[in-house]
Amino acid sequence: GMPEEDGYDLLRQVRRLPSELGGATPAIAVTGFFRHEDRAASRSAGYQAMTRKPVDLDELLSTIAALAEQRCAR
């Protein structure tokens, strides 16, 4: 819900950056929209995970930890 752009647009711009400039930074979509098509759009834009609003802090922290673990495993 950002004016003229949305989080998908923002992340697509980030993903176009070289890895050393942040293009491979892990990203979690935090959204109130959680339909199947929303989840597909978030993956297509380059998000690695998605969580609902209002945010469940335990779920968000768990998702962050899982992404960090995946990144360290590489």
PDB file of N, CA and C in Angstrom:
ATOM      1  N   GLY A   1       0.775  -1.192   0.000  1.00  0.00           N
ATOM      2  CA  GLY A   1       0.000   0.000   0.000  1.00  0.00           C
ATOM      3  C   GLY A   1       0.828   1.274   0.000  1.00  0.00           C
ATOM      4  N   MET A   2       1.969   1.308  -0.687  1.00  0.00           N
ATOM      5  CA  MET A   2       2.750   2.550  -0.776  1.00  0.00           C
ATOM      6  C   MET A   2       2.240   3.356  -1.971  1.00  0.00           C
ATOM      7  N   PRO A   3       2.322   4.680  -1.916  1.00  0.00           N
ATOM      8  CA  PRO A   3       1.846   5.489  -3.040  1.00  0.00           C
ATOM      9  C   PRO A   3       2.687   5.252  -4.296  1.00  0.00           C
ATOM     10  N   GLU A   4       2.007   4.984  -5.407  1.00  0.00           N
ATOM     11  CA  GLU A   4       2.595   4.812  -6.740  1.00  0.00           C
ATOM     12  C   GLU A   4       3.475   3.576  -6.893  1.00  0.00           C
ATOM     13  N   GLU A   5       3.918   2.974  -5.827  1.00  0.00           N
ATOM     14  CA  GLU A   5       4.681   1.731  -5.866  1.00  0.00           C
ATOM     15  C   GLU A   5       4.190   0.850  -4.728  1.00  0.00           C
ATOM     16  N   ASP A   6       4.659  -0.371  -4.724  1.00  0.00           N
ATOM     17  CA  ASP A   6       4.359  -1.233  -3.586  1.00  0.00           C
ATOM     18  C   ASP A   6       5.626  -1.976  -3.196  1.00  0.00           C
ATOM     19  N   GLY A   7       5.533  -2.798  -2.199  1.00  0.00           N
ATOM     20  CA  GLY A   7       6.694  -3.535  -1.719  1.00  0.00           C
ATOM     21  C   GLY A   7       7.281  -4.453  -2.773  1.00  0.00           C
ATOM     22  N   TYR A   8       6.433  -4.972  -3.654  1.00  0.00           N
ATOM     23  CA  TYR A   8       6.926  -5.820  -4.737  1.00  0.00           C
ATOM     24  C   TYR A   8       7.838  -5.007  -5.653  1.00  0.00           C
ATOM     25  N   ASP A   9       7.393  -3.803  -6.020  1.00  0.00           N
ATOM     26  CA  ASP A   9       8.207  -2.934  -6.873  1.00  0.00           C
ATOM     27  C   ASP A   9       9.537  -2.608  -6.202  1.00  0.00           C
ATOM     28  N   LEU A  10       9.472  -2.282  -4.918  1.00  0.00           N
ATOM     29  CA  LEU A  10      10.685  -1.946  -4.180  1.00  0.00           C
ATOM     30  C   LEU A  10      11.666  -3.115  -4.201  1.00  0.00           C
ATOM     31  N   LEU A  11      11.185  -4.312  -3.915  1.00  0.00           N
ATOM     32  CA  LEU A  11      12.099  -5.456  -3.864  1.00  0.00           C
ATOM     33  C   LEU A  11      12.638  -5.800  -5.248  1.00  0.00           C
ATOM     34  N   ARG A  12      11.835  -5.635  -6.278  1.00  0.00           N
ATOM     35  CA  ARG A  12      12.356  -5.872  -7.645  1.00  0.00           C
ATOM     36  C   ARG A  12      13.526  -4.934  -7.935  1.00  0.00           C
ATOM     37  N   GLN A  13      13.434  -3.697  -7.485  1.00  0.00           N
ATOM     38  CA  GLN A  13      14.537  -2.743  -7.666  1.00  0.00           C
ATOM     39  C   GLN A  13      15.763  -3.193  -6.881  1.00  0.00           C
ATOM     40  N   VAL A  14      15.562  -3.652  -5.663  1.00  0.00           N
ATOM     41  CA  VAL A  14      16.672  -4.147  -4.852  1.00  0.00           C
ATOM     42  C   VAL A  14      17.315  -5.359  -5.525  1.00  0.00           C
ATOM     43  N   ARG A  15      16.505  -6.265  -6.045  1.00  0.00           N
ATOM     44  CA  ARG A  15      17.027  -7.482  -6.666  1.00  0.00           C
ATOM     45  C   ARG A  15      17.848  -7.184  -7.929  1.00  0.00           C
ATOM     46  N   ARG A  16      17.644  -6.039  -8.534  1.00  0.00           N
ATOM     47  CA  ARG A  16      18.435  -5.654  -9.714  1.00  0.00           C
ATOM     48  C   ARG A  16      19.840  -5.170  -9.337  1.00  0.00           C
ATOM     49  N   LEU A  17      20.061  -4.893  -8.051  1.00  0.00           N
ATOM     50  CA  LEU A  17      21.375  -4.452  -7.595  1.00  0.00           C
ATOM     51  C   LEU A  17      22.345  -5.627  -7.565  1.00  0.00           C
ATOM     52  N   PRO A  18      23.634  -5.350  -7.746  1.00  0.00           N
ATOM     53  CA  PRO A  18      24.624  -6.420  -7.565  1.00  0.00           C
ATOM     54  C   PRO A  18      24.565  -6.947  -6.130  1.00  0.00           C
ATOM     55  N   SER A  19      24.927  -8.176  -5.966  1.00  0.00           N
ATOM     56  CA  SER A  19      24.887  -8.814  -4.647  1.00  0.00           C
ATOM     57  C   SER A  19      25.654  -8.011  -3.603  1.00  0.00           C
ATOM     58  N   GLU A  20      26.826  -7.495  -3.970  1.00  0.00           N
ATOM     59  CA  GLU A  20      27.643  -6.756  -3.009  1.00  0.00           C
ATOM     60  C   GLU A  20      27.037  -5.408  -2.620  1.00  0.00           C
ATOM     61  N   LEU A  21      26.019  -4.967  -3.366  1.00  0.00           N
ATOM     62  CA  LEU A  21      25.317  -3.721  -3.023  1.00  0.00           C
ATOM     63  C   LEU A  21      23.934  -3.989  -2.423  1.00  0.00           C
ATOM     64  N   GLY A  22      23.681  -5.241  -2.054  1.00  0.00           N
ATOM     65  CA  GLY A  22      22.440  -5.575  -1.365  1.00  0.00           C
ATOM     66  C   GLY A  22      21.420  -6.334  -2.183  1.00  0.00           C
ATOM     67  N   GLY A  23      21.734  -6.644  -3.425  1.00  0.00           N
ATOM     68  CA  GLY A  23      20.762  -7.312  -4.288  1.00  0.00           C
ATOM     69  C   GLY A  23      20.340  -8.692  -3.831  1.00  0.00           C
ATOM     70  N   ALA A  24      21.146  -9.330  -2.983  1.00  0.00           N
ATOM     71  CA  ALA A  24      20.817 -10.673  -2.494  1.00  0.00           C
ATOM     72  C   ALA A  24      20.384 -10.663  -1.030  1.00  0.00           C
ATOM     73  N   THR A  25      20.083  -9.497  -0.496  1.00  0.00           N
ATOM     74  CA  THR A  25      19.662  -9.383   0.898  1.00  0.00           C
ATOM     75  C   THR A  25      18.361 -10.154   1.122  1.00  0.00           C
ATOM     76  N   PRO A  26      18.311 -11.016   2.126  1.00  0.00           N
ATOM     77  CA  PRO A  26      17.060 -11.733   2.399  1.00  0.00           C
ATOM     78  C   PRO A  26      15.929 -10.739   2.718  1.00  0.00           C
ATOM     79  N   ALA A  27      14.716 -11.086   2.296  1.00  0.00           N
ATOM     80  CA  ALA A  27      13.581 -10.188   2.507  1.00  0.00           C
ATOM     81  C   ALA A  27      12.339 -10.980   2.912  1.00  0.00           C
ATOM     82  N   ILE A  28      11.617 -10.412   3.853  1.00  0.00           N
ATOM     83  CA  ILE A  28      10.357 -10.999   4.327  1.00  0.00           C
ATOM     84  C   ILE A  28       9.244 -10.003   4.032  1.00  0.00           C
ATOM     85  N   ALA A  29       8.219 -10.442   3.334  1.00  0.00           N
ATOM     86  CA  ALA A  29       7.050  -9.597   3.086  1.00  0.00           C
ATOM     87  C   ALA A  29       6.183  -9.613   4.345  1.00  0.00           C
ATOM     88  N   VAL A  30       5.932  -8.439   4.903  1.00  0.00           N
ATOM     89  CA  VAL A  30       5.050  -8.304   6.062  1.00  0.00           C
ATOM     90  C   VAL A  30       3.793  -7.614   5.541  1.00  0.00           C
ATOM     91  N   THR A  31       2.695  -8.359   5.489  1.00  0.00           N
ATOM     92  CA  THR A  31       1.532  -7.882   4.755  1.00  0.00           C
ATOM     93  C   THR A  31       0.215  -8.297   5.392  1.00  0.00           C
ATOM     94  N   GLY A  32      -0.795  -7.543   5.079  1.00  0.00           N
ATOM     95  CA  GLY A  32      -2.154  -7.890   5.476  1.00  0.00           C
ATOM     96  C   GLY A  32      -2.851  -8.709   4.399  1.00  0.00           C
ATOM     97  N   PHE A  33      -2.199  -8.871   3.258  1.00  0.00           N
ATOM     98  CA  PHE A  33      -2.755  -9.611   2.127  1.00  0.00           C
ATOM     99  C   PHE A  33      -2.100 -10.984   2.087  1.00  0.00           C
ATOM    100  N   PHE A  34      -2.872 -12.041   2.269  1.00  0.00           N
ATOM    101  CA  PHE A  34      -2.269 -13.362   2.440  1.00  0.00           C
ATOM    102  C   PHE A  34      -2.989 -14.433   1.623  1.00  0.00           C
ATOM    103  N   ARG A  35      -3.572 -14.036   0.511  1.00  0.00           N
ATOM    104  CA  ARG A  35      -4.215 -15.027  -0.363  1.00  0.00           C
ATOM    105  C   ARG A  35      -3.144 -15.796  -1.136  1.00  0.00           C
ATOM    106  N   HIS A  36      -3.541 -16.876  -1.777  1.00  0.00           N
ATOM    107  CA  HIS A  36      -2.598 -17.682  -2.573  1.00  0.00           C
ATOM    108  C   HIS A  36      -1.890 -16.805  -3.603  1.00  0.00           C
ATOM    109  N   GLU A  37      -2.631 -15.958  -4.289  1.00  0.00           N
ATOM    110  CA  GLU A  37      -2.017 -15.108  -5.321  1.00  0.00           C
ATOM    111  C   GLU A  37      -1.062 -14.074  -4.723  1.00  0.00           C
ATOM    112  N   ASP A  38      -1.317 -13.654  -3.489  1.00  0.00           N
ATOM    113  CA  ASP A  38      -0.397 -12.736  -2.810  1.00  0.00           C
ATOM    114  C   ASP A  38       0.915 -13.443  -2.483  1.00  0.00           C
ATOM    115  N   ARG A  39       0.807 -14.683  -2.021  1.00  0.00           N
ATOM    116  CA  ARG A  39       2.022 -15.448  -1.714  1.00  0.00           C
ATOM    117  C   ARG A  39       2.821 -15.705  -2.985  1.00  0.00           C
ATOM    118  N   ALA A  40       2.137 -16.009  -4.090  1.00  0.00           N
ATOM    119  CA  ALA A  40       2.825 -16.228  -5.367  1.00  0.00           C
ATOM    120  C   ALA A  40       3.501 -14.941  -5.845  1.00  0.00           C
ATOM    121  N   ALA A  41       2.832 -13.815  -5.692  1.00  0.00           N
ATOM    122  CA  ALA A  41       3.407 -12.532  -6.111  1.00  0.00           C
ATOM    123  C   ALA A  41       4.625 -12.179  -5.279  1.00  0.00           C
ATOM    124  N   SER A  42       4.591 -12.498  -3.986  1.00  0.00           N
ATOM    125  CA  SER A  42       5.744 -12.179  -3.139  1.00  0.00           C
ATOM    126  C   SER A  42       6.952 -13.020  -3.538  1.00  0.00           C
ATOM    127  N   ARG A  43       6.746 -14.275  -3.833  1.00  0.00           N
ATOM    128  CA  ARG A  43       7.853 -15.142  -4.297  1.00  0.00           C
ATOM    129  C   ARG A  43       8.393 -14.643  -5.631  1.00  0.00           C
ATOM    130  N   SER A  44       7.492 -14.300  -6.525  1.00  0.00           N
ATOM    131  CA  SER A  44       7.890 -13.809  -7.844  1.00  0.00           C
ATOM    132  C   SER A  44       8.711 -12.522  -7.747  1.00  0.00           C
ATOM    133  N   ALA A  45       8.398 -11.676  -6.784  1.00  0.00           N
ATOM    134  CA  ALA A  45       9.119 -10.417  -6.607  1.00  0.00           C
ATOM    135  C   ALA A  45      10.489 -10.624  -5.976  1.00  0.00           C
ATOM    136  N   GLY A  46      10.696 -11.784  -5.344  1.00  0.00           N
ATOM    137  CA  GLY A  46      11.993 -12.070  -4.754  1.00  0.00           C
ATOM    138  C   GLY A  46      12.030 -12.187  -3.247  1.00  0.00           C
ATOM    139  N   TYR A  47      10.861 -12.162  -2.606  1.00  0.00           N
ATOM    140  CA  TYR A  47      10.827 -12.372  -1.150  1.00  0.00           C
ATOM    141  C   TYR A  47      11.087 -13.846  -0.851  1.00  0.00           C
ATOM    142  N   GLN A  48      11.826 -14.104   0.202  1.00  0.00           N
ATOM    143  CA  GLN A  48      12.076 -15.489   0.607  1.00  0.00           C
ATOM    144  C   GLN A  48      11.002 -16.005   1.557  1.00  0.00           C
ATOM    145  N   ALA A  49      10.301 -15.106   2.224  1.00  0.00           N
ATOM    146  CA  ALA A  49       9.286 -15.516   3.195  1.00  0.00           C
ATOM    147  C   ALA A  49       8.222 -14.434   3.295  1.00  0.00           C
ATOM    148  N   MET A  50       7.154 -14.780   4.004  1.00  0.00           N
ATOM    149  CA  MET A  50       6.019 -13.872   4.133  1.00  0.00           C
ATOM    150  C   MET A  50       5.401 -14.079   5.502  1.00  0.00           C
ATOM    151  N   THR A  51       4.964 -12.996   6.134  1.00  0.00           N
ATOM    152  CA  THR A  51       4.267 -13.100   7.412  1.00  0.00           C
ATOM    153  C   THR A  51       3.106 -12.107   7.430  1.00  0.00           C
ATOM    154  N   ARG A  52       2.127 -12.406   8.233  1.00  0.00           N
ATOM    155  CA  ARG A  52       0.891 -11.606   8.261  1.00  0.00           C
ATOM    156  C   ARG A  52       0.974 -10.422   9.211  1.00  0.00           C
ATOM    157  N   LYS A  53       0.173  -9.409   8.882  1.00  0.00           N
ATOM    158  CA  LYS A  53      -0.125  -8.327   9.811  1.00  0.00           C
ATOM    159  C   LYS A  53      -1.469  -8.650  10.443  1.00  0.00           C
ATOM    160  N   PRO A  54      -1.720  -8.337  11.675  1.00  0.00           N
ATOM    161  CA  PRO A  54      -0.757  -7.796  12.618  1.00  0.00           C
ATOM    162  C   PRO A  54       0.333  -8.827  12.885  1.00  0.00           C
ATOM    163  N   VAL A  55       1.534  -8.339  13.110  1.00  0.00           N
ATOM    164  CA  VAL A  55       2.704  -9.188  13.236  1.00  0.00           C
ATOM    165  C   VAL A  55       2.682  -9.963  14.546  1.00  0.00           C
ATOM    166  N   ASP A  56       2.910 -11.258  14.428  1.00  0.00           N
ATOM    167  CA  ASP A  56       3.147 -12.117  15.588  1.00  0.00           C
ATOM    168  C   ASP A  56       4.660 -12.119  15.762  1.00  0.00           C
ATOM    169  N   LEU A  57       5.158 -11.485  16.803  1.00  0.00           N
ATOM    170  CA  LEU A  57       6.592 -11.305  16.982  1.00  0.00           C
ATOM    171  C   LEU A  57       7.348 -12.631  17.004  1.00  0.00           C
ATOM    172  N   ASP A  58       6.795 -13.640  17.661  1.00  0.00           N
ATOM    173  CA  ASP A  58       7.462 -14.945  17.691  1.00  0.00           C
ATOM    174  C   ASP A  58       7.583 -15.533  16.290  1.00  0.00           C
ATOM    175  N   GLU A  59       6.534 -15.418  15.511  1.00  0.00           N
ATOM    176  CA  GLU A  59       6.564 -15.928  14.135  1.00  0.00           C
ATOM    177  C   GLU A  59       7.590 -15.157  13.299  1.00  0.00           C
ATOM    178  N   LEU A  60       7.614 -13.837  13.425  1.00  0.00           N
ATOM    179  CA  LEU A  60       8.569 -13.027  12.677  1.00  0.00           C
ATOM    180  C   LEU A  60      10.001 -13.385  13.059  1.00  0.00           C
ATOM    181  N   LEU A  61      10.276 -13.487  14.349  1.00  0.00           N
ATOM    182  CA  LEU A  61      11.628 -13.835  14.797  1.00  0.00           C
ATOM    183  C   LEU A  61      12.030 -15.227  14.321  1.00  0.00           C
ATOM    184  N   SER A  62      11.103 -16.153  14.326  1.00  0.00           N
ATOM    185  CA  SER A  62      11.368 -17.502  13.836  1.00  0.00           C
ATOM    186  C   SER A  62      11.683 -17.489  12.342  1.00  0.00           C
ATOM    187  N   THR A  63      10.956 -16.680  11.591  1.00  0.00           N
ATOM    188  CA  THR A  63      11.181 -16.564  10.154  1.00  0.00           C
ATOM    189  C   THR A  63      12.545 -15.944   9.878  1.00  0.00           C
ATOM    190  N   ILE A  64      12.896 -14.910  10.626  1.00  0.00           N
ATOM    191  CA  ILE A  64      14.217 -14.278  10.482  1.00  0.00           C
ATOM    192  C   ILE A  64      15.315 -15.294  10.787  1.00  0.00           C
ATOM    193  N   ALA A  65      15.157 -16.046  11.864  1.00  0.00           N
ATOM    194  CA  ALA A  65      16.162 -17.044  12.240  1.00  0.00           C
ATOM    195  C   ALA A  65      16.305 -18.111  11.159  1.00  0.00           C
ATOM    196  N   ALA A  66      15.200 -18.544  10.581  1.00  0.00           N
ATOM    197  CA  ALA A  66      15.251 -19.561   9.526  1.00  0.00           C
ATOM    198  C   ALA A  66      15.980 -19.033   8.289  1.00  0.00           C
ATOM    199  N   LEU A  67      15.717 -17.790   7.914  1.00  0.00           N
ATOM    200  CA  LEU A  67      16.414 -17.204   6.770  1.00  0.00           C
ATOM    201  C   LEU A  67      17.901 -17.041   7.056  1.00  0.00           C
ATOM    202  N   ALA A  68      18.244 -16.630   8.260  1.00  0.00           N
ATOM    203  CA  ALA A  68      19.649 -16.475   8.636  1.00  0.00           C
ATOM    204  C   ALA A  68      20.361 -17.834   8.604  1.00  0.00           C
ATOM    205  N   GLU A  69      19.688 -18.862   9.085  1.00  0.00           N
ATOM    206  CA  GLU A  69      20.266 -20.204   9.081  1.00  0.00           C
ATOM    207  C   GLU A  69      20.501 -20.688   7.648  1.00  0.00           C
ATOM    208  N   GLN A  70      19.535 -20.452   6.775  1.00  0.00           N
ATOM    209  CA  GLN A  70      19.696 -20.840   5.370  1.00  0.00           C
ATOM    210  C   GLN A  70      20.879 -20.126   4.743  1.00  0.00           C
ATOM    211  N   ARG A  71      21.008 -18.858   5.054  1.00  0.00           N
ATOM    212  CA  ARG A  71      22.094 -18.052   4.492  1.00  0.00           C
ATOM    213  C   ARG A  71      23.466 -18.541   4.977  1.00  0.00           C
ATOM    214  N   CYS A  72      23.535 -18.909   6.255  1.00  0.00           N
ATOM    215  CA  CYS A  72      24.790 -19.389   6.819  1.00  0.00           C
ATOM    216  C   CYS A  72      25.166 -20.760   6.256  1.00  0.00           C
ATOM    217  N   ALA A  73      24.167 -21.558   5.893  1.00  0.00           N
ATOM    218  CA  ALA A  73      24.413 -22.888   5.366  1.00  0.00           C
ATOM    219  C   ALA A  73      25.026 -22.871   3.966  1.00  0.00           C
ATOM    220  N   ARG A  74      24.956 -21.743   3.291  1.00  0.00           N
ATOM    221  CA  ARG A  74      25.498 -21.662   1.927  1.00  0.00           C
ATOM    222  C   ARG A  74      26.962 -21.583   1.907  1.00  0.00           C
TER     223      ARG A  74
END
